[in-house]
Amino acid sequence: MATVPPRIHETVDDHLRAIERTYDVAVAVAVARGSHAWGGASPDSDYDVGFVYAPTDLRRYAHLEDPPETIVEDRGEFEYQGWDGRTFVRLLSESNESAIDLLRSPIRYRLAYDPTDLADYLERTYNPIDLYHTWRGIATSNYRKYISQHLVRTDDELFPIVDADDEAFVVETDDGTMTVPADDERFTETQTKPTVKRNLTICRAAMSAYYLEETGERGDHELPALEFERFLDEQAPTVFDPERIERARELLERKRRGEGGVPIGDAVGREFAHPPNPIDPEIHARAGPETERLDEYLDELLAAVQ
């Protein structure tokens, strides 16, 4: 299981107390986010911390000026993103990937409120189609931005190059492809630097989307484990071939060794990086968490910090 040194826990606790004083809030739960949570941290990785808070005086919820819905602070190698309790449960009601992953993080810095029961409830009730499209969007947008060779139009819009010859480029658009003459002065050819880290981001997101879709097609959606190595060891073999898994494992190991910024070309593949857009809502959509039940969890969270 992912861990961080004791000094990190101490520093995070000091920072959280400072945030509480600054914003007059009480932190109910704080956890590791990012690479330390999913097991991809390298020796030089920053520490991302997600937390949920409530105003110290709950009467602020009835005032004309509400407490802040989010708190974001950058403290050197530590980056903090917090959600007000009401905002957090609203995100959970929408099956928001970041909010669900906060509940699943294996590294917990502050536990005034124990989110275990809430995490179990969300894993039973999340809406699979929402998570699928989140992961698909992460994979496709990152592939388009960081991996594809592309043309840049004068309005700064990017068009990934699908094919090219001396006369023209065939580029990808939102609804298909289009042909751009090589002498069209509105477009400039450029190339990104597809690094280990960017390939791994795309790989994780695409594998999560495919896995959720496949397990749903088999009759029971299974949430991919947050810790990527565990996913590769225990879940991925039921859906992906060994070559795909080993390619993902190599990216993970290189990221951990501190090679995240090394350019490596396209290690994922255009086709794999683009899970299908339409999937059957009859199979993959459900109502999601119940508002009444989430309100009960919010009441418990608020009580824990009063």
Protein backbone atom coordinates (compact mmCIF):
# COMPACT_ATOMS: atom_id res chain seq x y z
CA MET A 1 0.00 0.00 0.00
CA ALA A 2 1.19 3.52 -0.80
CA THR A 3 2.79 5.43 2.08
CA VAL A 4 4.60 8.69 2.77
CA PRO A 5 7.24 9.44 5.46
CA PRO A 6 6.08 10.57 8.93
CA ARG A 7 7.56 14.04 8.33
CA ILE A 8 5.09 14.51 5.46
CA HIS A 9 2.16 13.76 7.79
CA GLU A 10 3.51 16.32 10.25
CA THR A 11 3.97 19.00 7.59
CA VAL A 12 0.52 18.41 6.13
CA ASP A 13 -1.02 18.66 9.60
CA ASP A 14 0.74 21.99 10.19
CA HIS A 15 -0.48 23.31 6.83
CA LEU A 16 -4.04 22.16 7.49
CA ARG A 17 -4.12 23.95 10.83
CA ALA A 18 -2.95 27.13 9.09
CA ILE A 19 -5.66 26.75 6.44
CA GLU A 20 -8.28 26.26 9.15
CA ARG A 21 -7.22 29.48 10.87
CA THR A 22 -7.08 31.46 7.63
CA TYR A 23 -10.53 30.45 6.37
CA ASP A 24 -12.26 29.79 9.73
CA VAL A 25 -13.08 26.21 8.75
CA ALA A 26 -12.61 22.76 10.27
CA VAL A 27 -11.08 20.00 8.14
CA ALA A 28 -13.09 16.78 8.41
CA VAL A 29 -10.95 14.53 6.22
CA ALA A 30 -7.69 15.04 4.32
CA VAL A 31 -5.95 12.52 2.07
CA ALA A 32 -3.22 12.18 -0.51
CA ARG A 33 -4.21 12.80 -4.12
CA GLY A 34 -2.31 12.43 -7.37
CA SER A 35 0.64 10.11 -7.88
CA HIS A 36 1.15 9.35 -4.18
CA ALA A 37 -2.43 8.08 -3.97
CA TRP A 38 -2.36 5.88 -7.07
CA GLY A 39 1.21 4.68 -6.58
CA GLY A 40 3.08 6.50 -9.33
CA ALA A 41 5.15 8.92 -7.25
CA SER A 42 8.82 9.44 -8.07
CA PRO A 43 11.46 10.82 -5.67
CA ASP A 44 10.78 14.37 -6.90
CA SER A 45 6.97 14.22 -6.97
CA ASP A 46 5.04 16.98 -5.23
CA TYR A 47 2.50 16.15 -2.54
CA ASP A 48 -1.10 16.77 -3.58
CA VAL A 49 -3.57 16.90 -0.70
CA GLY A 50 -7.35 16.80 -1.02
CA PHE A 51 -9.59 17.67 1.89
CA VAL A 52 -13.19 18.27 2.90
CA TYR A 53 -14.08 21.00 5.37
CA ALA A 54 -17.00 22.76 7.02
CA PRO A 55 -17.28 26.31 8.38
CA THR A 56 -16.41 26.49 12.05
CA ASP A 57 -19.71 28.32 12.60
CA LEU A 58 -22.46 26.50 10.69
CA ARG A 59 -24.60 29.64 10.76
CA ARG A 60 -22.43 30.83 7.84
CA TYR A 61 -24.49 28.52 5.65
CA ALA A 62 -27.46 30.82 6.28
CA HIS A 63 -25.58 34.08 5.67
CA LEU A 64 -25.72 36.09 2.47
CA GLU A 65 -22.05 35.32 1.88
CA ASP A 66 -21.58 31.55 1.99
CA PRO A 67 -18.34 29.93 3.08
CA PRO A 68 -16.04 29.25 0.10
CA GLU A 69 -17.00 26.21 -1.95
CA THR A 70 -13.35 25.41 -2.61
CA ILE A 71 -9.99 26.25 -1.08
CA VAL A 72 -6.82 25.98 -3.18
CA GLU A 73 -3.38 26.68 -1.76
CA ASP A 74 0.14 26.12 -3.09
CA ARG A 75 2.78 25.70 -0.40
CA GLY A 76 5.95 24.79 -2.27
CA GLU A 77 6.05 21.05 -2.86
CA PHE A 78 2.61 20.74 -1.24
CA GLU A 79 -0.55 21.57 -3.17
CA TYR A 80 -3.92 21.66 -1.43
CA GLN A 81 -7.43 21.46 -2.88
CA GLY A 82 -10.37 21.44 -0.49
CA TRP A 83 -14.13 21.20 -0.93
CA ASP A 84 -16.79 22.48 1.39
CA GLY A 85 -18.90 19.58 2.68
CA ARG A 86 -21.98 20.59 0.68
CA THR A 87 -19.94 20.97 -2.49
CA PHE A 88 -18.28 17.60 -1.89
CA VAL A 89 -21.51 15.63 -1.54
CA ARG A 90 -22.94 17.42 -4.58
CA LEU A 91 -19.94 16.19 -6.59
CA LEU A 92 -20.50 12.69 -5.23
CA SER A 93 -24.12 12.86 -6.36
CA GLU A 94 -22.77 13.48 -9.88
CA SER A 95 -20.34 10.54 -9.61
CA ASN A 96 -17.42 12.94 -9.88
CA GLU A 97 -14.20 10.99 -10.34
CA SER A 98 -12.02 13.27 -8.21
CA ALA A 99 -14.46 13.24 -5.30
CA ILE A 100 -14.80 9.45 -5.40
CA ASP A 101 -11.03 9.03 -5.53
CA LEU A 102 -10.65 11.23 -2.46
CA LEU A 103 -12.73 8.68 -0.56
CA ARG A 104 -10.59 5.82 -1.92
CA SER A 105 -7.15 7.28 -1.20
CA PRO A 106 -4.96 4.87 0.80
CA ILE A 107 -3.04 7.72 2.48
CA ARG A 108 -5.11 9.62 5.02
CA TYR A 109 -3.74 12.69 6.80
CA ARG A 110 -6.78 13.81 8.82
CA LEU A 111 -9.76 11.72 9.90
CA ALA A 112 -12.05 13.75 12.11
CA TYR A 113 -14.69 12.09 9.95
CA ASP A 114 -14.10 8.48 8.87
CA PRO A 115 -15.21 8.23 5.21
CA THR A 116 -15.12 4.41 5.02
CA ASP A 117 -18.90 3.89 5.04
CA LEU A 118 -19.43 6.71 2.56
CA ALA A 119 -16.76 5.23 0.27
CA ASP A 120 -18.48 1.83 0.41
CA TYR A 121 -21.82 3.42 -0.41
CA LEU A 122 -20.40 5.30 -3.41
CA GLU A 123 -18.75 2.16 -4.79
CA ARG A 124 -22.17 0.50 -4.78
CA THR A 125 -24.14 3.40 -6.25
CA TYR A 126 -21.94 5.48 -8.60
CA ASN A 127 -23.19 6.01 -12.14
CA PRO A 128 -20.83 4.01 -14.41
CA ILE A 129 -21.53 5.98 -17.58
CA ASP A 130 -20.44 9.23 -15.93
CA LEU A 131 -17.12 7.77 -14.83
CA TYR A 132 -16.63 6.14 -18.22
CA HIS A 133 -16.94 9.43 -20.06
CA THR A 134 -14.68 11.17 -17.54
CA TRP A 135 -11.92 8.64 -18.14
CA ARG A 136 -12.52 8.62 -21.88
CA GLY A 137 -12.26 12.43 -21.91
CA ILE A 138 -8.97 12.36 -19.99
CA ALA A 139 -7.50 9.82 -22.42
CA THR A 140 -8.61 11.48 -25.64
CA SER A 141 -7.86 15.07 -24.63
CA ASN A 142 -4.40 14.24 -23.32
CA TYR A 143 -3.61 12.20 -26.42
CA ARG A 144 -4.71 15.06 -28.62
CA LYS A 145 -2.77 17.67 -26.62
CA TYR A 146 0.43 15.82 -25.77
CA ILE A 147 0.97 12.87 -28.12
CA SER A 148 -0.39 13.62 -31.58
CA GLN A 149 1.58 15.53 -34.12
CA HIS A 150 -0.73 18.32 -35.08
CA LEU A 151 -1.47 21.46 -37.00
CA VAL A 152 -2.05 24.69 -35.11
CA ARG A 153 -4.50 27.13 -36.70
CA THR A 154 -4.04 30.87 -36.29
CA ASP A 155 -6.79 30.85 -33.61
CA ASP A 156 -4.62 28.36 -31.61
CA GLU A 157 -6.95 25.40 -32.15
CA LEU A 158 -5.12 22.07 -32.41
CA PHE A 159 -5.78 19.48 -35.13
CA PRO A 160 -4.01 16.12 -34.70
CA ILE A 161 -2.48 14.84 -37.93
CA VAL A 162 -3.95 11.50 -39.04
CA ASP A 163 -2.13 11.26 -42.38
CA ALA A 164 0.04 13.49 -44.54
CA ASP A 165 1.86 13.70 -47.86
CA ASP A 166 3.61 16.48 -49.80
CA GLU A 167 0.29 18.00 -50.89
CA ALA A 168 -1.96 17.95 -47.82
CA PHE A 169 -2.62 16.92 -44.23
CA VAL A 170 -5.58 14.86 -43.06
CA VAL A 171 -6.39 16.06 -39.55
CA GLU A 172 -8.77 15.01 -36.81
CA THR A 173 -11.74 17.23 -35.93
CA ASP A 174 -14.46 16.92 -33.30
CA ASP A 175 -16.82 15.29 -35.78
CA GLY A 176 -14.44 13.42 -38.08
CA THR A 177 -11.56 14.52 -40.29
CA MET A 178 -10.75 17.26 -42.77
CA THR A 179 -8.07 17.82 -45.39
CA VAL A 180 -5.78 20.85 -45.09
CA PRO A 181 -3.63 21.81 -48.11
CA ALA A 182 0.08 21.88 -47.25
CA ASP A 183 0.33 25.51 -48.41
CA ASP A 184 -2.58 26.77 -46.24
CA GLU A 185 -0.92 29.64 -44.35
CA ARG A 186 -3.50 29.52 -41.56
CA PHE A 187 -1.92 26.32 -40.26
CA THR A 188 1.50 25.57 -38.82
CA GLU A 189 2.85 22.07 -38.31
CA THR A 190 4.19 21.34 -34.88
CA GLN A 191 4.92 18.36 -32.63
CA THR A 192 4.49 17.79 -28.93
CA LYS A 193 6.92 16.00 -26.61
CA PRO A 194 5.15 12.78 -25.61
CA THR A 195 6.77 11.90 -22.29
CA VAL A 196 6.54 8.88 -20.00
CA LYS A 197 4.24 10.79 -17.63
CA ARG A 198 1.86 11.90 -20.39
CA ASN A 199 1.68 8.41 -21.89
CA LEU A 200 0.98 6.96 -18.43
CA THR A 201 -1.86 9.44 -17.82
CA ILE A 202 -3.48 8.40 -21.09
CA CYS A 203 -2.85 4.72 -20.46
CA ARG A 204 -4.42 4.76 -16.98
CA ALA A 205 -7.49 6.66 -18.12
CA ALA A 206 -8.08 4.53 -21.23
CA MET A 207 -7.62 1.26 -19.33
CA SER A 208 -10.05 2.44 -16.65
CA ALA A 209 -12.67 3.29 -19.28
CA TYR A 210 -12.30 0.00 -21.14
CA TYR A 211 -12.32 -1.99 -17.91
CA LEU A 212 -15.48 -0.35 -16.61
CA GLU A 213 -17.21 -0.86 -19.95
CA GLU A 214 -16.17 -4.50 -20.25
CA THR A 215 -17.17 -5.47 -16.72
CA GLY A 216 -20.49 -3.73 -17.27
CA GLU A 217 -21.05 -5.67 -20.48
CA ARG A 218 -20.41 -8.84 -18.48
CA GLY A 219 -23.17 -7.91 -16.08
CA ASP A 220 -21.57 -6.18 -13.08
CA HIS A 221 -19.61 -2.93 -13.32
CA GLU A 222 -16.41 -3.13 -11.32
CA LEU A 223 -14.62 0.03 -10.28
CA PRO A 224 -10.91 -0.09 -11.25
CA ALA A 225 -8.65 0.01 -8.19
CA LEU A 226 -7.22 3.45 -7.52
CA GLU A 227 -3.73 2.02 -6.96
CA PHE A 228 -2.56 1.33 -10.49
CA GLU A 229 -0.18 -1.53 -9.68
CA ARG A 230 -2.95 -3.38 -7.89
CA PHE A 231 -5.21 -2.79 -10.89
CA LEU A 232 -2.57 -4.23 -13.23
CA ASP A 233 -1.99 -7.25 -10.97
CA GLU A 234 -5.52 -8.16 -9.97
CA GLN A 235 -8.05 -6.70 -12.39
CA ALA A 236 -6.47 -5.89 -15.75
CA PRO A 237 -5.71 -9.56 -16.67
CA THR A 238 -9.45 -10.24 -16.97
CA VAL A 239 -9.79 -7.65 -19.76
CA PHE A 240 -6.39 -6.87 -21.34
CA ASP A 241 -3.76 -8.99 -23.02
CA PRO A 242 -0.36 -9.45 -21.31
CA GLU A 243 1.42 -7.18 -23.77
CA ARG A 244 -0.86 -4.23 -22.95
CA ILE A 245 -0.43 -4.83 -19.22
CA GLU A 246 3.36 -5.04 -19.46
CA ARG A 247 3.47 -1.86 -21.52
CA ALA A 248 1.49 -0.09 -18.79
CA ARG A 249 3.70 -1.59 -16.06
CA GLU A 250 6.84 -0.35 -17.81
CA LEU A 251 5.43 3.20 -17.93
CA LEU A 252 4.57 3.01 -14.24
CA GLU A 253 8.04 1.77 -13.27
CA ARG A 254 9.77 4.45 -15.35
CA LYS A 255 7.60 7.14 -13.77
CA ARG A 256 8.53 5.87 -10.31
CA ARG A 257 12.22 5.96 -11.23
CA GLY A 258 11.96 9.66 -11.99
CA GLU A 259 11.80 9.34 -15.79
CA GLY A 260 8.40 11.00 -16.13
CA GLY A 261 9.78 13.83 -18.28
CA VAL A 262 11.64 11.58 -20.74
CA PRO A 263 10.22 11.81 -24.31
CA ILE A 264 9.32 8.34 -25.63
CA GLY A 265 6.91 8.87 -28.54
CA ASP A 266 3.49 7.27 -28.62
CA ALA A 267 3.54 4.30 -26.21
CA VAL A 268 -0.25 3.93 -26.04
CA GLY A 269 -1.50 4.05 -29.62
CA ARG A 270 -4.11 6.32 -31.17
CA GLU A 271 -6.81 3.67 -31.35
CA PHE A 272 -6.43 2.52 -27.74
CA ALA A 273 -6.37 6.12 -26.53
CA HIS A 274 -9.84 6.68 -28.00
CA PRO A 275 -12.39 4.42 -26.24
CA PRO A 276 -15.75 4.44 -28.05
CA ASN A 277 -17.81 7.56 -27.47
CA PRO A 278 -21.33 6.10 -27.50
CA ILE A 279 -21.89 3.27 -25.04
CA ASP A 280 -25.27 1.73 -24.28
CA PRO A 281 -27.04 3.67 -21.50
CA GLU A 282 -29.35 0.71 -20.98
CA ILE A 283 -26.29 -1.17 -19.70
CA HIS A 284 -24.03 1.53 -18.32
CA ALA A 285 -26.32 4.21 -16.82
CA ARG A 286 -28.00 4.12 -13.43
CA ALA A 287 -29.54 6.65 -11.08
CA GLY A 288 -26.48 7.24 -8.92
CA PRO A 289 -26.35 7.94 -5.17
CA GLU A 290 -29.57 8.94 -3.43
CA THR A 291 -29.76 12.57 -2.35
CA GLU A 292 -31.38 11.68 0.97
CA ARG A 293 -28.61 9.22 1.83
CA LEU A 294 -25.89 11.70 0.90
CA ASP A 295 -27.54 14.30 3.11
CA GLU A 296 -27.31 11.87 6.01
CA TYR A 297 -23.59 11.41 5.38
CA LEU A 298 -23.18 15.19 5.22
CA ASP A 299 -24.91 15.52 8.58
CA GLU A 300 -22.45 13.00 10.03
CA LEU A 301 -19.49 14.88 8.56
CA LEU A 302 -20.67 18.20 9.98
CA ALA A 303 -21.28 16.66 13.40
CA ALA A 304 -17.76 15.22 13.41
CA VAL A 305 -16.13 18.66 13.30
CA GLN A 306 -18.45 20.60 15.64
